[in-house]
Structures are given as structure tokens and as C-alpha cells.
Amino acid sequence: MSEDFDKTLKLVTNMDRRAIEGRLADLRKAAQSSNLADLAAMFNGIEGMPRAEIEKRVRNAIKWLSGKPQHNNLRGQLELVEINLPNLK
């Protein structure tokens, strides 16, 4: 897992689709590196996916990570993406 994910999150609320998809691709790679295949699979094919499907997958991933404090860094990244979901066009 990249050390970048362990740092305090900077609240960014102006992410566009490209930035959101890029962040989710990074999260997919981080999940794969952490042997979290189920989580990584949630973000397979995310690029170009309809907004409603991305929203559903992000929220399901956040639920999946609840109760797993060792992965708070991933959950924090997903929460940042969730804040930006209204920006998806």
C-alpha cells in the first residue's frame, strides 16, 4: 500500500469524473496489493460506468470496510470520492 494513503486527507470537493475514476483505479490497485480481492473487484471496469453504478459500488465498498479499522485509510479515500459523486456527469 502506498504511503500516500496514510497521510491526512486533504478535503477536495471539485473532483471531476476523470479524477474520481483515477482515484478509484488507485484504490483498486491498493486493494489488490493488500490482498483485498473482493474490494478490488468492486472497482473493476469503473471507467465510463454510469454515475448510479459508481455511487452504488462506492457505498457498498464503504460498508464492506466498516468494522475493518486496519483499512481506515482506504475507507477515508472512498469517503472522499463519495463527497465528490455529485460532480459525476
PDB file of N, CA and C in Angstrom:
ATOM      1  N   MET A   1       0.842  -1.171   0.000  1.00  0.00           N
ATOM      2  CA  MET A   1       0.000   0.000   0.000  1.00  0.00           C
ATOM      3  C   MET A   1       0.885   1.230   0.000  1.00  0.00           C
ATOM      4  N   SER A   2       0.534   2.177  -0.753  1.00  0.00           N
ATOM      5  CA  SER A   2       1.315   3.401  -0.870  1.00  0.00           C
ATOM      6  C   SER A   2       1.238   4.219   0.402  1.00  0.00           C
ATOM      7  N   GLU A   3       2.345   4.822   0.750  1.00  0.00           N
ATOM      8  CA  GLU A   3       2.377   5.700   1.917  1.00  0.00           C
ATOM      9  C   GLU A   3       1.474   6.914   1.733  1.00  0.00           C
ATOM     10  N   ASP A   4       1.201   7.294   0.495  1.00  0.00           N
ATOM     11  CA  ASP A   4       0.347   8.451   0.234  1.00  0.00           C
ATOM     12  C   ASP A   4      -1.024   8.287   0.868  1.00  0.00           C
ATOM     13  N   PHE A   5      -1.523   7.059   0.964  1.00  0.00           N
ATOM     14  CA  PHE A   5      -2.838   6.824   1.531  1.00  0.00           C
ATOM     15  C   PHE A   5      -2.847   6.991   3.047  1.00  0.00           C
ATOM     16  N   ASP A   6      -1.686   6.939   3.684  1.00  0.00           N
ATOM     17  CA  ASP A   6      -1.616   7.031   5.131  1.00  0.00           C
ATOM     18  C   ASP A   6      -1.597   8.461   5.643  1.00  0.00           C
ATOM     19  N   LYS A   7      -1.433   9.402   4.784  1.00  0.00           N
ATOM     20  CA  LYS A   7      -1.367  10.795   5.196  1.00  0.00           C
ATOM     21  C   LYS A   7      -2.769  11.347   5.417  1.00  0.00           C
ATOM     22  N   THR A   8      -2.856  12.438   6.130  1.00  0.00           N
ATOM     23  CA  THR A   8      -4.132  13.080   6.361  1.00  0.00           C
ATOM     24  C   THR A   8      -4.742  13.478   5.029  1.00  0.00           C
ATOM     25  N   LEU A   9      -6.035  13.212   4.890  1.00  0.00           N
ATOM     26  CA  LEU A   9      -6.724  13.543   3.648  1.00  0.00           C
ATOM     27  C   LEU A   9      -6.916  15.040   3.516  1.00  0.00           C
ATOM     28  N   LYS A  10      -6.660  15.529   2.347  1.00  0.00           N
ATOM     29  CA  LYS A  10      -6.982  16.914   2.030  1.00  0.00           C
ATOM     30  C   LYS A  10      -8.382  16.892   1.434  1.00  0.00           C
ATOM     31  N   LEU A  11      -9.288  17.646   2.008  1.00  0.00           N
ATOM     32  CA  LEU A  11     -10.662  17.654   1.543  1.00  0.00           C
ATOM     33  C   LEU A  11     -10.734  18.335   0.187  1.00  0.00           C
ATOM     34  N   VAL A  12     -11.064  17.566  -0.811  1.00  0.00           N
ATOM     35  CA  VAL A  12     -11.181  18.052  -2.174  1.00  0.00           C
ATOM     36  C   VAL A  12     -12.618  17.802  -2.604  1.00  0.00           C
ATOM     37  N   THR A  13     -13.313  18.857  -2.999  1.00  0.00           N
ATOM     38  CA  THR A  13     -14.716  18.694  -3.373  1.00  0.00           C
ATOM     39  C   THR A  13     -14.984  19.036  -4.830  1.00  0.00           C
ATOM     40  N   ASN A  14     -13.924  19.208  -5.605  1.00  0.00           N
ATOM     41  CA  ASN A  14     -14.132  19.577  -7.003  1.00  0.00           C
ATOM     42  C   ASN A  14     -13.548  18.554  -7.968  1.00  0.00           C
ATOM     43  N   MET A  15     -13.548  17.290  -7.558  1.00  0.00           N
ATOM     44  CA  MET A  15     -13.042  16.238  -8.433  1.00  0.00           C
ATOM     45  C   MET A  15     -14.031  16.013  -9.577  1.00  0.00           C
ATOM     46  N   ASP A  16     -13.515  15.921 -10.798  1.00  0.00           N
ATOM     47  CA  ASP A  16     -14.363  15.606 -11.940  1.00  0.00           C
ATOM     48  C   ASP A  16     -14.358  14.105 -12.182  1.00  0.00           C
ATOM     49  N   ARG A  17     -15.072  13.665 -13.207  1.00  0.00           N
ATOM     50  CA  ARG A  17     -15.169  12.233 -13.491  1.00  0.00           C
ATOM     51  C   ARG A  17     -13.788  11.593 -13.648  1.00  0.00           C
ATOM     52  N   ARG A  18     -12.922  12.249 -14.389  1.00  0.00           N
ATOM     53  CA  ARG A  18     -11.586  11.692 -14.619  1.00  0.00           C
ATOM     54  C   ARG A  18     -10.834  11.498 -13.301  1.00  0.00           C
ATOM     55  N   ALA A  19     -10.912  12.502 -12.420  1.00  0.00           N
ATOM     56  CA  ALA A  19     -10.227  12.410 -11.125  1.00  0.00           C
ATOM     57  C   ALA A  19     -10.845  11.328 -10.247  1.00  0.00           C
ATOM     58  N   ILE A  20     -12.170  11.225 -10.264  1.00  0.00           N
ATOM     59  CA  ILE A  20     -12.857  10.202  -9.467  1.00  0.00           C
ATOM     60  C   ILE A  20     -12.482   8.814  -9.963  1.00  0.00           C
ATOM     61  N   GLU A  21     -12.541   8.616 -11.275  1.00  0.00           N
ATOM     62  CA  GLU A  21     -12.192   7.312 -11.831  1.00  0.00           C
ATOM     63  C   GLU A  21     -10.726   6.976 -11.555  1.00  0.00           C
ATOM     64  N   GLY A  22      -9.858   7.974 -11.626  1.00  0.00           N
ATOM     65  CA  GLY A  22      -8.443   7.749 -11.328  1.00  0.00           C
ATOM     66  C   GLY A  22      -8.224   7.358  -9.883  1.00  0.00           C
ATOM     67  N   ARG A  23      -8.931   8.024  -8.985  1.00  0.00           N
ATOM     68  CA  ARG A  23      -8.815   7.696  -7.561  1.00  0.00           C
ATOM     69  C   ARG A  23      -9.312   6.275  -7.299  1.00  0.00           C
ATOM     70  N   LEU A  24     -10.410   5.899  -7.935  1.00  0.00           N
ATOM     71  CA  LEU A  24     -10.944   4.552  -7.749  1.00  0.00           C
ATOM     72  C   LEU A  24     -10.022   3.495  -8.358  1.00  0.00           C
ATOM     73  N   ALA A  25      -9.376   3.809  -9.461  1.00  0.00           N
ATOM     74  CA  ALA A  25      -8.399   2.885 -10.044  1.00  0.00           C
ATOM     75  C   ALA A  25      -7.219   2.703  -9.087  1.00  0.00           C
ATOM     76  N   ASP A  26      -6.772   3.798  -8.475  1.00  0.00           N
ATOM     77  CA  ASP A  26      -5.695   3.712  -7.477  1.00  0.00           C
ATOM     78  C   ASP A  26      -6.126   2.866  -6.278  1.00  0.00           C
ATOM     79  N   LEU A  27      -7.374   3.057  -5.845  1.00  0.00           N
ATOM     80  CA  LEU A  27      -7.889   2.272  -4.726  1.00  0.00           C
ATOM     81  C   LEU A  27      -7.974   0.795  -5.095  1.00  0.00           C
ATOM     82  N   ARG A  28      -8.351   0.503  -6.332  1.00  0.00           N
ATOM     83  CA  ARG A  28      -8.409  -0.886  -6.790  1.00  0.00           C
ATOM     84  C   ARG A  28      -7.021  -1.528  -6.696  1.00  0.00           C
ATOM     85  N   LYS A  29      -6.009  -0.794  -7.159  1.00  0.00           N
ATOM     86  CA  LYS A  29      -4.629  -1.304  -7.099  1.00  0.00           C
ATOM     87  C   LYS A  29      -4.177  -1.494  -5.658  1.00  0.00           C
ATOM     88  N   ALA A  30      -4.520  -0.534  -4.803  1.00  0.00           N
ATOM     89  CA  ALA A  30      -4.139  -0.640  -3.392  1.00  0.00           C
ATOM     90  C   ALA A  30      -4.824  -1.834  -2.740  1.00  0.00           C
ATOM     91  N   ALA A  31      -6.088  -2.054  -3.075  1.00  0.00           N
ATOM     92  CA  ALA A  31      -6.809  -3.205  -2.525  1.00  0.00           C
ATOM     93  C   ALA A  31      -6.178  -4.508  -3.004  1.00  0.00           C
ATOM     94  N   GLN A  32      -5.797  -4.565  -4.270  1.00  0.00           N
ATOM     95  CA  GLN A  32      -5.135  -5.759  -4.793  1.00  0.00           C
ATOM     96  C   GLN A  32      -3.819  -5.998  -4.068  1.00  0.00           C
ATOM     97  N   SER A  33      -3.071  -4.938  -3.822  1.00  0.00           N
ATOM     98  CA  SER A  33      -1.781  -5.050  -3.123  1.00  0.00           C
ATOM     99  C   SER A  33      -1.956  -5.517  -1.685  1.00  0.00           C
ATOM    100  N   SER A  34      -3.120  -5.202  -1.114  1.00  0.00           N
ATOM    101  CA  SER A  34      -3.409  -5.586   0.274  1.00  0.00           C
ATOM    102  C   SER A  34      -4.164  -6.908   0.360  1.00  0.00           C
ATOM    103  N   ASN A  35      -4.218  -7.637  -0.756  1.00  0.00           N
ATOM    104  CA  ASN A  35      -4.928  -8.923  -0.809  1.00  0.00           C
ATOM    105  C   ASN A  35      -6.405  -8.792  -0.445  1.00  0.00           C
ATOM    106  N   LEU A  36      -7.016  -7.697  -0.880  1.00  0.00           N
ATOM    107  CA  LEU A  36      -8.446  -7.475  -0.671  1.00  0.00           C
ATOM    108  C   LEU A  36      -9.157  -7.631  -2.014  1.00  0.00           C
ATOM    109  N   ALA A  37      -9.159  -8.863  -2.513  1.00  0.00           N
ATOM    110  CA  ALA A  37      -9.694  -9.137  -3.854  1.00  0.00           C
ATOM    111  C   ALA A  37     -11.161  -8.742  -3.989  1.00  0.00           C
ATOM    112  N   ASP A  38     -11.954  -8.969  -2.937  1.00  0.00           N
ATOM    113  CA  ASP A  38     -13.375  -8.617  -3.006  1.00  0.00           C
ATOM    114  C   ASP A  38     -13.563  -7.115  -3.182  1.00  0.00           C
ATOM    115  N   LEU A  39     -12.780  -6.345  -2.454  1.00  0.00           N
ATOM    116  CA  LEU A  39     -12.860  -4.893  -2.571  1.00  0.00           C
ATOM    117  C   LEU A  39     -12.370  -4.440  -3.947  1.00  0.00           C
ATOM    118  N   ALA A  40     -11.261  -4.971  -4.393  1.00  0.00           N
ATOM    119  CA  ALA A  40     -10.719  -4.599  -5.702  1.00  0.00           C
ATOM    120  C   ALA A  40     -11.721  -4.901  -6.811  1.00  0.00           C
ATOM    121  N   ALA A  41     -12.406  -6.018  -6.705  1.00  0.00           N
ATOM    122  CA  ALA A  41     -13.365  -6.423  -7.732  1.00  0.00           C
ATOM    123  C   ALA A  41     -14.518  -5.438  -7.858  1.00  0.00           C
ATOM    124  N   MET A  42     -14.842  -4.737  -6.781  1.00  0.00           N
ATOM    125  CA  MET A  42     -15.927  -3.756  -6.832  1.00  0.00           C
ATOM    126  C   MET A  42     -15.630  -2.632  -7.818  1.00  0.00           C
ATOM    127  N   PHE A  43     -14.349  -2.431  -8.113  1.00  0.00           N
ATOM    128  CA  PHE A  43     -13.969  -1.311  -8.968  1.00  0.00           C
ATOM    129  C   PHE A  43     -13.398  -1.747 -10.307  1.00  0.00           C
ATOM    130  N   ASN A  44     -13.602  -3.009 -10.659  1.00  0.00           N
ATOM    131  CA  ASN A  44     -13.227  -3.451 -11.999  1.00  0.00           C
ATOM    132  C   ASN A  44     -14.163  -2.807 -13.013  1.00  0.00           C
ATOM    133  N   GLY A  45     -13.614  -2.282 -14.090  1.00  0.00           N
ATOM    134  CA  GLY A  45     -14.429  -1.691 -15.153  1.00  0.00           C
ATOM    135  C   GLY A  45     -15.116  -0.400 -14.781  1.00  0.00           C
ATOM    136  N   ILE A  46     -14.609   0.298 -13.779  1.00  0.00           N
ATOM    137  CA  ILE A  46     -15.246   1.525 -13.291  1.00  0.00           C
ATOM    138  C   ILE A  46     -15.210   2.652 -14.329  1.00  0.00           C
ATOM    139  N   GLU A  47     -14.214   2.627 -15.190  1.00  0.00           N
ATOM    140  CA  GLU A  47     -14.035   3.692 -16.163  1.00  0.00           C
ATOM    141  C   GLU A  47     -15.224   3.736 -17.121  1.00  0.00           C
ATOM    142  N   GLY A  48     -15.882   4.888 -17.191  1.00  0.00           N
ATOM    143  CA  GLY A  48     -17.018   5.085 -18.083  1.00  0.00           C
ATOM    144  C   GLY A  48     -18.337   4.532 -17.569  1.00  0.00           C
ATOM    145  N   MET A  49     -18.331   3.996 -16.371  1.00  0.00           N
ATOM    146  CA  MET A  49     -19.534   3.412 -15.783  1.00  0.00           C
ATOM    147  C   MET A  49     -20.549   4.522 -15.462  1.00  0.00           C
ATOM    148  N   PRO A  50     -21.836   4.248 -15.550  1.00  0.00           N
ATOM    149  CA  PRO A  50     -22.843   5.250 -15.193  1.00  0.00           C
ATOM    150  C   PRO A  50     -22.713   5.693 -13.730  1.00  0.00           C
ATOM    151  N   ARG A  51     -23.087   6.930 -13.487  1.00  0.00           N
ATOM    152  CA  ARG A  51     -22.972   7.533 -12.150  1.00  0.00           C
ATOM    153  C   ARG A  51     -23.643   6.672 -11.077  1.00  0.00           C
ATOM    154  N   ALA A  52     -24.858   6.220 -11.336  1.00  0.00           N
ATOM    155  CA  ALA A  52     -25.598   5.448 -10.323  1.00  0.00           C
ATOM    156  C   ALA A  52     -24.847   4.182  -9.933  1.00  0.00           C
ATOM    157  N   GLU A  53     -24.216   3.523 -10.894  1.00  0.00           N
ATOM    158  CA  GLU A  53     -23.474   2.298 -10.602  1.00  0.00           C
ATOM    159  C   GLU A  53     -22.214   2.603  -9.788  1.00  0.00           C
ATOM    160  N   ILE A  54     -21.524   3.691 -10.131  1.00  0.00           N
ATOM    161  CA  ILE A  54     -20.339   4.089  -9.355  1.00  0.00           C
ATOM    162  C   ILE A  54     -20.753   4.409  -7.923  1.00  0.00           C
ATOM    163  N   GLU A  55     -21.830   5.175  -7.773  1.00  0.00           N
ATOM    164  CA  GLU A  55     -22.316   5.512  -6.424  1.00  0.00           C
ATOM    165  C   GLU A  55     -22.604   4.253  -5.623  1.00  0.00           C
ATOM    166  N   LYS A  56     -23.281   3.300  -6.234  1.00  0.00           N
ATOM    167  CA  LYS A  56     -23.628   2.048  -5.553  1.00  0.00           C
ATOM    168  C   LYS A  56     -22.370   1.295  -5.125  1.00  0.00           C
ATOM    169  N   ARG A  57     -21.398   1.217  -6.013  1.00  0.00           N
ATOM    170  CA  ARG A  57     -20.173   0.473  -5.688  1.00  0.00           C
ATOM    171  C   ARG A  57     -19.358   1.158  -4.601  1.00  0.00           C
ATOM    172  N   VAL A  58     -19.281   2.489  -4.651  1.00  0.00           N
ATOM    173  CA  VAL A  58     -18.545   3.222  -3.616  1.00  0.00           C
ATOM    174  C   VAL A  58     -19.207   3.009  -2.263  1.00  0.00           C
ATOM    175  N   ARG A  59     -20.512   3.127  -2.209  1.00  0.00           N
ATOM    176  CA  ARG A  59     -21.219   2.960  -0.931  1.00  0.00           C
ATOM    177  C   ARG A  59     -21.121   1.520  -0.427  1.00  0.00           C
ATOM    178  N   ASN A  60     -21.194   0.551  -1.331  1.00  0.00           N
ATOM    179  CA  ASN A  60     -21.027  -0.845  -0.913  1.00  0.00           C
ATOM    180  C   ASN A  60     -19.617  -1.109  -0.393  1.00  0.00           C
ATOM    181  N   ALA A  61     -18.627  -0.485  -1.011  1.00  0.00           N
ATOM    182  CA  ALA A  61     -17.243  -0.657  -0.561  1.00  0.00           C
ATOM    183  C   ALA A  61     -17.040  -0.051   0.823  1.00  0.00           C
ATOM    184  N   ILE A  62     -17.637   1.104   1.065  1.00  0.00           N
ATOM    185  CA  ILE A  62     -17.535   1.738   2.386  1.00  0.00           C
ATOM    186  C   ILE A  62     -18.165   0.818   3.441  1.00  0.00           C
ATOM    187  N   LYS A  63     -19.332   0.246   3.118  1.00  0.00           N
ATOM    188  CA  LYS A  63     -19.980  -0.693   4.049  1.00  0.00           C
ATOM    189  C   LYS A  63     -19.099  -1.920   4.270  1.00  0.00           C
ATOM    190  N   TRP A  64     -18.508  -2.427   3.193  1.00  0.00           N
ATOM    191  CA  TRP A  64     -17.654  -3.606   3.279  1.00  0.00           C
ATOM    192  C   TRP A  64     -16.468  -3.349   4.204  1.00  0.00           C
ATOM    193  N   LEU A  65     -15.955  -2.123   4.191  1.00  0.00           N
ATOM    194  CA  LEU A  65     -14.788  -1.777   5.009  1.00  0.00           C
ATOM    195  C   LEU A  65     -15.144  -1.432   6.459  1.00  0.00           C
ATOM    196  N   SER A  66     -16.420  -1.223   6.747  1.00  0.00           N
ATOM    197  CA  SER A  66     -16.786  -0.885   8.122  1.00  0.00           C
ATOM    198  C   SER A  66     -16.444  -2.081   9.016  1.00  0.00           C
ATOM    199  N   GLY A  67     -15.939  -1.771  10.182  1.00  0.00           N
ATOM    200  CA  GLY A  67     -15.522  -2.823  11.099  1.00  0.00           C
ATOM    201  C   GLY A  67     -14.145  -3.385  10.786  1.00  0.00           C
ATOM    202  N   LYS A  68     -13.455  -2.764   9.844  1.00  0.00           N
ATOM    203  CA  LYS A  68     -12.097  -3.190   9.495  1.00  0.00           C
ATOM    204  C   LYS A  68     -11.152  -1.996   9.701  1.00  0.00           C
ATOM    205  N   PRO A  69     -10.865  -1.658  10.961  1.00  0.00           N
ATOM    206  CA  PRO A  69     -10.077  -0.452  11.239  1.00  0.00           C
ATOM    207  C   PRO A  69      -8.683  -0.467  10.624  1.00  0.00           C
ATOM    208  N   GLN A  70      -8.169  -1.640  10.312  1.00  0.00           N
ATOM    209  CA  GLN A  70      -6.850  -1.710   9.691  1.00  0.00           C
ATOM    210  C   GLN A  70      -6.866  -1.140   8.271  1.00  0.00           C
ATOM    211  N   HIS A  71      -8.063  -0.888   7.732  1.00  0.00           N
ATOM    212  CA  HIS A  71      -8.192  -0.340   6.380  1.00  0.00           C
ATOM    213  C   HIS A  71      -8.871   1.029   6.383  1.00  0.00           C
ATOM    214  N   ASN A  72      -8.724   1.748   7.494  1.00  0.00           N
ATOM    215  CA  ASN A  72      -9.317   3.087   7.585  1.00  0.00           C
ATOM    216  C   ASN A  72      -8.814   4.024   6.491  1.00  0.00           C
ATOM    217  N   ASN A  73      -7.565   3.824   6.077  1.00  0.00           N
ATOM    218  CA  ASN A  73      -7.016   4.688   5.040  1.00  0.00           C
ATOM    219  C   ASN A  73      -7.777   4.512   3.724  1.00  0.00           C
ATOM    220  N   LEU A  74      -8.114   3.283   3.370  1.00  0.00           N
ATOM    221  CA  LEU A  74      -8.891   3.039   2.156  1.00  0.00           C
ATOM    222  C   LEU A  74     -10.302   3.604   2.293  1.00  0.00           C
ATOM    223  N   ARG A  75     -10.894   3.395   3.463  1.00  0.00           N
ATOM    224  CA  ARG A  75     -12.237   3.923   3.685  1.00  0.00           C
ATOM    225  C   ARG A  75     -12.247   5.444   3.581  1.00  0.00           C
ATOM    226  N   GLY A  76     -11.219   6.086   4.110  1.00  0.00           N
ATOM    227  CA  GLY A  76     -11.122   7.544   4.011  1.00  0.00           C
ATOM    228  C   GLY A  76     -11.060   8.013   2.568  1.00  0.00           C
ATOM    229  N   GLN A  77     -10.315   7.296   1.736  1.00  0.00           N
ATOM    230  CA  GLN A  77     -10.240   7.646   0.319  1.00  0.00           C
ATOM    231  C   GLN A  77     -11.603   7.472  -0.351  1.00  0.00           C
ATOM    232  N   LEU A  78     -12.294   6.421   0.005  1.00  0.00           N
ATOM    233  CA  LEU A  78     -13.632   6.194  -0.562  1.00  0.00           C
ATOM    234  C   LEU A  78     -14.622   7.265  -0.107  1.00  0.00           C
ATOM    235  N   GLU A  79     -14.504   7.687   1.130  1.00  0.00           N
ATOM    236  CA  GLU A  79     -15.388   8.752   1.621  1.00  0.00           C
ATOM    237  C   GLU A  79     -15.124  10.057   0.881  1.00  0.00           C
ATOM    238  N   LEU A  80     -13.874  10.312   0.555  1.00  0.00           N
ATOM    239  CA  LEU A  80     -13.538  11.495  -0.241  1.00  0.00           C
ATOM    240  C   LEU A  80     -14.185  11.400  -1.624  1.00  0.00           C
ATOM    241  N   VAL A  81     -14.109  10.235  -2.230  1.00  0.00           N
ATOM    242  CA  VAL A  81     -14.764  10.036  -3.528  1.00  0.00           C
ATOM    243  C   VAL A  81     -16.276  10.225  -3.370  1.00  0.00           C
ATOM    244  N   GLU A  82     -16.837   9.675  -2.304  1.00  0.00           N
ATOM    245  CA  GLU A  82     -18.285   9.789  -2.086  1.00  0.00           C
ATOM    246  C   GLU A  82     -18.731  11.240  -2.027  1.00  0.00           C
ATOM    247  N   ILE A  83     -17.957  12.079  -1.382  1.00  0.00           N
ATOM    248  CA  ILE A  83     -18.273  13.512  -1.304  1.00  0.00           C
ATOM    249  C   ILE A  83     -18.337  14.126  -2.708  1.00  0.00           C
ATOM    250  N   ASN A  84     -17.519  13.608  -3.599  1.00  0.00           N
ATOM    251  CA  ASN A  84     -17.420  14.155  -4.944  1.00  0.00           C
ATOM    252  C   ASN A  84     -18.365  13.510  -5.950  1.00  0.00           C
ATOM    253  N   LEU A  85     -19.113  12.509  -5.568  1.00  0.00           N
ATOM    254  CA  LEU A  85     -20.002  11.817  -6.508  1.00  0.00           C
ATOM    255  C   LEU A  85     -20.986  12.746  -7.217  1.00  0.00           C
ATOM    256  N   PRO A  86     -21.499  13.791  -6.560  1.00  0.00           N
ATOM    257  CA  PRO A  86     -22.394  14.696  -7.294  1.00  0.00           C
ATOM    258  C   PRO A  86     -21.733  15.371  -8.500  1.00  0.00           C
ATOM    259  N   ASN A  87     -20.419  15.385  -8.547  1.00  0.00           N
ATOM    260  CA  ASN A  87     -19.710  16.002  -9.670  1.00  0.00           C
ATOM    261  C   ASN A  87     -19.669  15.113 -10.908  1.00  0.00           C
ATOM    262  N   LEU A  88     -20.042  13.848 -10.769  1.00  0.00           N
ATOM    263  CA  LEU A  88     -20.023  12.952 -11.931  1.00  0.00           C
ATOM    264  C   LEU A  88     -21.063  13.419 -12.946  1.00  0.00           C
ATOM    265  N   LYS A  89     -20.649  13.494 -14.160  1.00  0.00           N
ATOM    266  CA  LYS A  89     -21.571  13.893 -15.233  1.00  0.00           C
ATOM    267  C   LYS A  89     -21.784  12.731 -16.146  1.00  0.00           C
TER     268      LYS A  89
END
